[in-house]
């Protein structure tokens, strides 16, 4: 019982930690809500759209952006990237992007210079660091004519910063620059979307639906839950499956309790007969064995809870278990103790203990006092 409860608490804490850590890192670089479909909007239409967000009280701030794909060429190699053009003074109110910078500065973005902030994995793949220059090849055709017709736009950018979000996919494929530079590169006069921050991220899906109704059908609105639904659903399913599997350990322990109580009833057969001869009722005998089973279970549950919380706390504080970041999105084993999960584990274990004690208690209560004293 102790090992089963401890294993279940540690496992649930790890699954909670995975979800919390991935959610935190995802929202560190993604807005709570994203709206697409503004490419053809004029400045007046865009301002009117932003004004509509102010009609929803749960929306905190809004930031326009341009999102597109391009080729990035260094002296070592060429790689396709996702380029995001932002207004840093507004973007930092919507995401926590400013906290992810590990090298360099955001100042060049504020000055709207041709600069790039690269993910650390992307910078490693390209073999560049802060101060190096890169060529960006845009799918947008330039006005110049080559031998084969129009040629793509090519621009030179300098690397002024490197960020690390902790999410491998972002760090290996994402780059940021100023909104003005992205407009020139992609030939977009406006923006491609809006990033929106809500006051309550758990209500982002509901708020997204409200904003979609106000914005109109021509816009595509998604919350962070819907954009990452498959990932978080997979984590939820894994948590449920692991909980079911580890509950089997507690069920096995419950059979041990049944066996112990049956052995006690056989060993104390004469004592049971004497108690019944002295006036003890079947109900009294049942209570005695139920209390014995509950005592065994409660002791195991208490020790298991203490051991599980202790192991989870040690893992959380030390963080000595490392993980492959390209597989698990994170490089350390995350731990998050949940009072609700611990309470549910204790309650479920205690119920299993009670049900396990019913059969042996009922059998002990059926003992005939005469036979028990004679043959016990």
Protein backbone atom coordinates (compact mmCIF):
# COMPACT_ATOMS: atom_id res chain seq x y z
CA UNK A 1 0.00 0.00 0.00
CA UNK A 2 2.85 2.37 0.89
CA UNK A 3 4.70 1.72 -2.38
CA UNK A 4 1.51 1.96 -4.46
CA UNK A 5 0.44 5.31 -2.99
CA UNK A 6 3.98 6.72 -3.19
CA UNK A 7 4.39 5.63 -6.82
CA UNK A 8 1.04 7.12 -7.79
CA UNK A 9 1.77 10.48 -6.12
CA UNK A 10 5.23 10.77 -7.72
CA UNK A 11 3.91 9.81 -11.17
CA UNK A 12 1.00 12.26 -11.04
CA UNK A 13 3.38 14.98 -9.83
CA UNK A 14 5.66 14.34 -12.81
CA UNK A 15 2.73 14.44 -15.26
CA UNK A 16 1.47 17.68 -13.68
CA UNK A 17 4.97 19.09 -13.94
CA UNK A 18 5.19 18.21 -17.63
CA UNK A 19 1.90 19.93 -18.37
CA UNK A 20 2.69 23.00 -16.28
CA UNK A 21 6.19 23.42 -17.69
CA UNK A 22 5.15 22.97 -21.32
CA UNK A 23 2.21 25.34 -20.80
CA UNK A 24 4.45 27.97 -19.21
CA UNK A 25 7.04 27.78 -21.98
CA UNK A 26 4.42 27.74 -24.72
CA UNK A 27 2.72 30.84 -23.34
CA UNK A 28 6.11 32.48 -22.86
CA UNK A 29 6.40 32.78 -26.64
CA UNK A 30 2.78 32.41 -27.82
CA UNK A 31 -0.14 34.77 -27.07
CA UNK A 32 -3.21 33.45 -25.24
CA UNK A 33 -5.29 34.08 -28.38
CA UNK A 34 -4.20 34.56 -32.01
CA UNK A 35 -6.25 36.19 -34.78
CA UNK A 36 -5.31 35.71 -38.45
CA UNK A 37 -6.78 37.14 -41.64
CA UNK A 38 -5.79 40.82 -41.50
CA UNK A 39 -3.46 40.87 -44.55
CA UNK A 40 -5.91 42.89 -46.67
CA UNK A 41 -7.07 45.17 -43.86
CA UNK A 42 -6.29 48.88 -44.09
CA UNK A 43 -4.94 50.76 -41.09
CA UNK A 44 -8.44 52.04 -40.31
CA UNK A 45 -9.91 48.51 -40.45
CA UNK A 46 -7.14 47.22 -38.22
CA UNK A 47 -7.72 49.99 -35.67
CA UNK A 48 -11.44 49.19 -35.71
CA UNK A 49 -10.64 45.52 -35.10
CA UNK A 50 -8.39 46.39 -32.17
CA UNK A 51 -11.14 48.62 -30.77
CA UNK A 52 -13.45 45.60 -30.74
CA UNK A 53 -11.09 43.84 -28.36
CA UNK A 54 -11.65 46.65 -25.86
CA UNK A 55 -15.34 45.75 -25.74
CA UNK A 56 -14.41 42.42 -24.10
CA UNK A 57 -13.44 43.01 -20.49
CA UNK A 58 -11.35 39.84 -20.18
CA UNK A 59 -8.86 40.98 -22.85
CA UNK A 60 -5.79 42.63 -21.39
CA UNK A 61 -3.60 43.73 -24.32
CA UNK A 62 -3.18 43.33 -28.10
CA UNK A 63 -0.11 43.20 -30.33
CA UNK A 64 0.01 43.11 -34.17
CA UNK A 65 2.50 40.81 -35.93
CA UNK A 66 3.54 39.39 -39.27
CA UNK A 67 4.23 35.68 -39.55
CA UNK A 68 5.84 34.10 -42.59
CA UNK A 69 8.39 31.61 -43.87
CA UNK A 70 11.76 32.40 -45.34
CA UNK A 71 15.20 30.92 -46.03
CA UNK A 72 18.10 31.91 -43.81
CA UNK A 73 21.61 31.54 -45.24
CA UNK A 74 24.85 31.56 -43.28
CA UNK A 75 28.40 30.66 -44.28
CA UNK A 76 27.76 27.11 -43.09
CA UNK A 77 24.29 26.22 -44.36
CA UNK A 78 20.82 27.34 -45.45
CA UNK A 79 17.72 26.61 -43.41
CA UNK A 80 14.02 27.34 -43.67
CA UNK A 81 12.66 29.37 -40.75
CA UNK A 82 9.48 30.88 -39.40
CA UNK A 83 10.00 34.63 -39.25
CA UNK A 84 7.85 36.78 -36.98
CA UNK A 85 7.81 40.54 -37.23
CA UNK A 86 6.79 42.28 -34.01
CA UNK A 87 6.46 45.60 -32.27
CA UNK A 88 8.52 44.73 -29.18
CA UNK A 89 6.92 47.40 -26.99
CA UNK A 90 3.52 45.75 -27.59
CA UNK A 91 4.66 42.15 -27.97
CA UNK A 92 6.19 42.17 -24.49
CA UNK A 93 2.75 43.04 -23.08
CA UNK A 94 1.22 39.97 -24.76
CA UNK A 95 3.93 37.34 -24.26
CA UNK A 96 6.96 36.90 -22.01
CA UNK A 97 9.33 36.87 -24.97
CA UNK A 98 11.67 39.39 -23.32
CA UNK A 99 12.47 36.87 -20.57
CA UNK A 100 13.73 34.25 -23.04
CA UNK A 101 16.74 36.26 -24.29
CA UNK A 102 20.02 34.59 -23.26
CA UNK A 103 22.48 36.57 -25.37
CA UNK A 104 22.47 40.01 -26.96
CA UNK A 105 19.82 42.71 -26.75
CA UNK A 106 16.37 43.67 -28.02
CA UNK A 107 17.45 47.31 -28.57
CA UNK A 108 17.96 46.95 -32.33
CA UNK A 109 14.33 45.80 -32.70
CA UNK A 110 13.13 48.94 -30.96
CA UNK A 111 15.26 50.96 -33.40
CA UNK A 112 13.71 49.04 -36.34
CA UNK A 113 17.10 48.04 -37.77
CA UNK A 114 17.57 44.99 -40.05
CA UNK A 115 18.36 42.59 -37.23
CA UNK A 116 17.35 39.12 -36.11
CA UNK A 117 16.76 37.44 -32.76
CA UNK A 118 17.35 33.71 -33.31
CA UNK A 119 16.48 30.63 -31.30
CA UNK A 120 19.54 29.05 -29.69
CA UNK A 121 19.12 25.76 -31.61
CA UNK A 122 18.68 27.65 -34.88
CA UNK A 123 21.81 29.70 -34.20
CA UNK A 124 23.73 26.50 -33.43
CA UNK A 125 22.55 24.84 -36.65
CA UNK A 126 23.55 27.88 -38.71
CA UNK A 127 26.85 28.28 -36.86
CA UNK A 128 26.27 31.94 -35.99
CA UNK A 129 26.29 34.12 -32.90
CA UNK A 130 25.59 37.74 -31.94
CA UNK A 131 27.24 40.13 -34.40
CA UNK A 132 27.24 37.76 -37.39
CA UNK A 133 25.47 38.63 -40.64
CA UNK A 134 22.96 36.45 -42.48
CA UNK A 135 21.06 36.55 -45.75
CA UNK A 136 17.27 36.20 -45.70
CA UNK A 137 15.63 34.95 -48.88
CA UNK A 138 11.95 35.84 -49.01
CA UNK A 139 9.36 34.02 -51.16
CA UNK A 140 8.14 37.46 -52.23
CA UNK A 141 9.46 38.32 -55.70
CA UNK A 142 11.56 41.46 -56.06
CA UNK A 143 11.20 44.01 -58.83
CA UNK A 144 14.55 42.97 -60.33
CA UNK A 145 14.56 40.63 -63.33
CA UNK A 146 16.97 37.73 -63.67
CA UNK A 147 17.66 35.34 -66.52
CA UNK A 148 14.70 33.21 -65.40
CA UNK A 149 12.38 36.15 -64.65
CA UNK A 150 11.65 37.74 -61.28
CA UNK A 151 13.96 36.70 -58.46
CA UNK A 152 13.13 36.41 -54.74
CA UNK A 153 13.89 39.26 -52.37
CA UNK A 154 17.22 38.93 -50.59
CA UNK A 155 18.19 41.07 -47.62
CA UNK A 156 21.11 41.12 -45.22
CA UNK A 157 20.37 41.03 -41.49
CA UNK A 158 22.65 41.02 -38.46
CA UNK A 159 22.16 38.75 -35.45
CA UNK A 160 21.65 40.93 -32.37
CA UNK A 161 20.25 38.37 -29.94
CA UNK A 162 19.65 34.70 -29.16
CA UNK A 163 16.65 33.45 -27.22
CA UNK A 164 15.89 30.14 -25.53
CA UNK A 165 12.24 29.38 -24.86
CA UNK A 166 12.87 25.82 -23.66
CA UNK A 167 10.63 24.48 -26.45
CA UNK A 168 12.83 22.75 -29.03
CA UNK A 169 10.52 23.37 -32.00
CA UNK A 170 10.51 27.11 -31.36
CA UNK A 171 14.22 27.35 -30.62
CA UNK A 172 15.17 25.40 -33.76
CA UNK A 173 12.91 27.17 -36.27
CA UNK A 174 11.91 30.63 -35.00
CA UNK A 175 13.41 34.07 -35.61
CA UNK A 176 12.16 37.55 -34.68
CA UNK A 177 12.66 40.93 -36.30
CA UNK A 178 10.89 44.28 -36.29
CA UNK A 179 7.47 44.68 -37.91
CA UNK A 180 8.77 47.31 -40.38
CA UNK A 181 11.56 45.07 -41.65
CA UNK A 182 9.16 42.15 -42.11
CA UNK A 183 6.74 44.31 -44.08
CA UNK A 184 9.54 45.26 -46.48
CA UNK A 185 10.79 41.69 -46.77
CA UNK A 186 7.40 40.08 -47.43
CA UNK A 187 5.84 43.01 -49.25
CA UNK A 188 2.92 43.20 -46.81
CA UNK A 189 1.59 46.73 -46.16
CA UNK A 190 -0.26 45.77 -42.99
CA UNK A 191 -0.01 42.81 -40.63
CA UNK A 192 -1.01 39.14 -40.80
CA UNK A 193 -2.52 38.81 -37.35
CA UNK A 194 -3.03 39.97 -33.79
CA UNK A 195 -1.75 38.43 -30.60
CA UNK A 196 -4.10 38.83 -27.62
CA UNK A 197 -3.45 38.41 -23.92
CA UNK A 198 -6.35 37.59 -21.59
CA UNK A 199 -6.69 38.23 -17.88
CA UNK A 200 -7.51 34.56 -17.25
CA UNK A 201 -5.66 32.14 -19.52
CA UNK A 202 -7.91 29.21 -18.53
CA UNK A 203 -10.86 31.10 -20.06
CA UNK A 204 -8.98 31.84 -23.29
CA UNK A 205 -11.09 29.42 -25.36
CA UNK A 206 -14.34 31.08 -24.25
CA UNK A 207 -12.92 34.56 -24.81
CA UNK A 208 -11.69 33.53 -28.28
CA UNK A 209 -15.22 32.46 -29.19
CA UNK A 210 -16.64 35.80 -28.01
CA UNK A 211 -14.04 37.76 -29.96
CA UNK A 212 -14.60 35.64 -33.08
CA UNK A 213 -18.28 36.60 -33.01
CA UNK A 214 -17.43 40.31 -32.72
CA UNK A 215 -14.61 40.20 -35.29
CA UNK A 216 -16.58 38.46 -38.04
CA UNK A 217 -16.38 35.23 -40.03
CA UNK A 218 -13.52 36.35 -42.28
CA UNK A 219 -11.09 36.17 -39.37
CA UNK A 220 -9.56 32.99 -37.94
CA UNK A 221 -9.40 33.10 -34.12
CA UNK A 222 -7.73 30.41 -32.01
CA UNK A 223 -6.86 30.14 -28.31
CA UNK A 224 -3.69 28.58 -26.95
CA UNK A 225 -5.73 25.53 -25.88
CA UNK A 226 -6.97 24.83 -29.42
CA UNK A 227 -3.57 25.51 -31.03
CA UNK A 228 -1.89 23.01 -28.70
CA UNK A 229 -4.85 20.68 -28.19
CA UNK A 230 -3.14 17.49 -29.41
CA UNK A 231 -0.14 18.01 -27.14
CA UNK A 232 -2.13 18.67 -23.97
CA UNK A 233 -4.68 15.95 -24.76
CA UNK A 234 -1.79 13.48 -25.10
CA UNK A 235 -0.41 14.57 -21.72
CA UNK A 236 -3.86 14.21 -20.15
CA UNK A 237 -4.31 10.72 -21.62
CA UNK A 238 -0.87 9.66 -20.38
CA UNK A 239 -1.72 10.89 -16.89
CA UNK A 240 -4.98 8.92 -16.83
CA UNK A 241 -3.35 5.73 -18.14
CA UNK A 242 -0.46 5.94 -15.66
CA UNK A 243 -2.90 6.53 -12.80
CA UNK A 244 -4.92 3.44 -13.80
CA UNK A 245 -1.81 1.26 -14.11
CA UNK A 246 -0.36 2.35 -10.77
CA UNK A 247 -3.73 1.94 -9.03
CA UNK A 248 -3.27 -1.78 -9.75
CA UNK A 249 -0.45 -1.77 -7.19
CA UNK A 250 -2.91 -0.50 -4.57
CA UNK A 251 -5.41 -3.16 -5.62
CA UNK A 252 -2.75 -5.85 -5.18
CA UNK A 253 -2.02 -4.41 -1.74
CA UNK A 254 -5.74 -4.66 -0.92
CA UNK A 255 -5.60 -8.44 -1.52
CA UNK A 256 -2.77 -8.56 1.00
CA UNK A 257 -5.04 -6.84 3.53
CA UNK A 258 -7.75 -9.42 2.78
CA UNK A 259 -5.28 -12.25 3.33
CA UNK A 260 -4.01 -10.78 6.60
CA UNK A 261 -7.52 -10.33 7.99
CA UNK A 262 -8.53 -13.88 7.00
CA UNK A 263 -5.40 -15.25 8.69
CA UNK A 264 -6.14 -13.21 11.82
CA UNK A 265 -9.73 -14.52 11.90
CA UNK A 266 -8.44 -18.10 11.68
CA UNK A 267 -5.74 -17.51 14.28
CA UNK A 268 -8.14 -15.78 16.68
CA UNK A 269 -11.02 -18.19 16.11
CA UNK A 270 -11.23 -19.18 19.81
CA UNK A 271 -11.07 -15.52 20.88
CA UNK A 272 -13.93 -14.68 18.53
CA UNK A 273 -15.97 -17.54 19.98
CA UNK A 274 -15.28 -16.33 23.54
CA UNK A 275 -16.32 -12.78 22.65
CA UNK A 276 -19.54 -14.05 21.11
CA UNK A 277 -20.20 -16.24 24.15
CA UNK A 278 -19.78 -13.16 26.36
CA UNK A 279 -22.45 -11.33 24.35
CA UNK A 280 -20.60 -9.73 21.41
CA UNK A 281 -22.86 -9.41 18.38
CA UNK A 282 -22.00 -10.04 14.75
CA UNK A 283 -21.97 -6.28 14.23
CA UNK A 284 -19.34 -5.88 16.94
CA UNK A 285 -17.09 -8.54 15.38
CA UNK A 286 -17.49 -6.96 11.95
CA UNK A 287 -16.47 -3.58 13.37
CA UNK A 288 -13.36 -5.04 15.00
CA UNK A 289 -12.11 -6.51 11.71
CA UNK A 290 -13.15 -3.45 9.72
CA UNK A 291 -11.18 -1.25 12.10
CA UNK A 292 -8.20 -3.60 11.83
CA UNK A 293 -8.27 -3.43 8.02
CA UNK A 294 -8.75 0.34 8.02
CA UNK A 295 -5.82 0.70 10.44
CA UNK A 296 -3.58 -1.32 8.12
CA UNK A 297 -4.72 0.69 5.12
CA UNK A 298 -4.47 4.06 6.84
CA UNK A 299 -0.94 3.28 8.02
CA UNK A 300 0.13 2.28 4.52
CA UNK A 301 -1.59 5.31 2.93
CA UNK A 302 -0.01 7.72 5.43
CA UNK A 303 3.48 6.29 4.93
CA UNK A 304 2.95 6.22 1.15
CA UNK A 305 1.78 9.83 1.07
CA UNK A 306 4.77 10.95 3.15
CA UNK A 307 7.19 8.96 1.00
CA UNK A 308 5.63 10.15 -2.28
CA UNK A 309 5.67 13.81 -1.26
CA UNK A 310 9.25 13.44 0.02
CA UNK A 311 10.51 11.86 -3.24
CA UNK A 312 8.64 14.43 -5.36
CA UNK A 313 10.05 17.30 -3.30
CA UNK A 314 13.60 15.95 -3.57
CA UNK A 315 13.24 15.56 -7.35
CA UNK A 316 11.81 19.08 -7.62
CA UNK A 317 14.60 20.67 -5.60
CA UNK A 318 17.57 18.78 -7.03
CA UNK A 319 16.47 18.48 -10.71
CA UNK A 320 19.22 15.91 -11.27
CA UNK A 321 17.26 13.79 -13.79
CA UNK A 322 18.01 15.08 -17.31
CA UNK A 323 15.84 14.47 -20.39
CA UNK A 324 16.53 14.70 -24.16
CA UNK A 325 15.07 18.10 -25.02
CA UNK A 326 14.23 17.29 -28.64
CA UNK A 327 11.95 14.46 -27.44
CA UNK A 328 10.35 15.84 -24.27
CA UNK A 329 10.44 19.61 -25.05
CA UNK A 330 12.26 20.15 -21.74
CA UNK A 331 15.68 19.18 -20.42
CA UNK A 332 14.82 18.45 -16.77
CA UNK A 333 12.26 16.23 -15.06
CA UNK A 334 9.51 18.62 -13.94
CA UNK A 335 7.60 18.13 -10.70
CA UNK A 336 4.39 19.82 -9.52
CA UNK A 337 2.67 18.54 -6.42
CA UNK A 338 -1.10 18.91 -6.52
CA UNK A 339 -3.08 18.92 -3.29
CA UNK A 340 -6.16 17.78 -5.23
CA UNK A 341 -4.35 14.78 -6.75
CA UNK A 342 -2.88 13.77 -3.39
CA UNK A 343 -6.31 14.02 -1.77
CA UNK A 344 -7.91 11.91 -4.53
CA UNK A 345 -5.19 9.26 -4.24
CA UNK A 346 -5.64 9.06 -0.47
CA UNK A 347 -9.43 8.94 -0.72
CA UNK A 348 -9.41 6.26 -3.46
CA UNK A 349 -6.87 4.16 -1.54
CA UNK A 350 -8.90 4.41 1.65
CA UNK A 351 -12.07 3.33 -0.16
CA UNK A 352 -10.24 0.33 -1.64
CA UNK A 353 -9.06 -0.53 1.89
CA UNK A 354 -12.61 -0.37 3.29
CA UNK A 355 -14.01 -2.59 0.52
CA UNK A 356 -11.14 -5.03 1.05
CA UNK A 357 -12.00 -5.34 4.75
CA UNK A 358 -15.70 -6.06 4.26
CA UNK A 359 -15.42 -9.71 3.17
CA UNK A 360 -13.02 -10.91 5.94
CA UNK A 361 -15.05 -8.99 8.55
CA UNK A 362 -18.30 -10.61 7.37
CA UNK A 363 -16.73 -14.09 7.45
CA UNK A 364 -15.38 -13.55 10.97
CA UNK A 365 -18.81 -12.40 12.14
CA UNK A 366 -20.40 -15.68 10.96
CA UNK A 367 -18.31 -17.81 13.29
CA UNK A 368 -20.38 -20.11 15.53
CA UNK A 369 -19.21 -19.50 19.14
CA UNK A 370 -19.69 -23.15 20.21
CA UNK A 371 -17.67 -24.55 17.30
CA UNK A 372 -15.06 -21.81 17.74
CA UNK A 373 -14.48 -22.62 21.43
CA UNK A 374 -14.57 -26.39 20.82
CA UNK A 375 -12.34 -26.58 17.74
CA UNK A 376 -10.50 -23.25 17.89
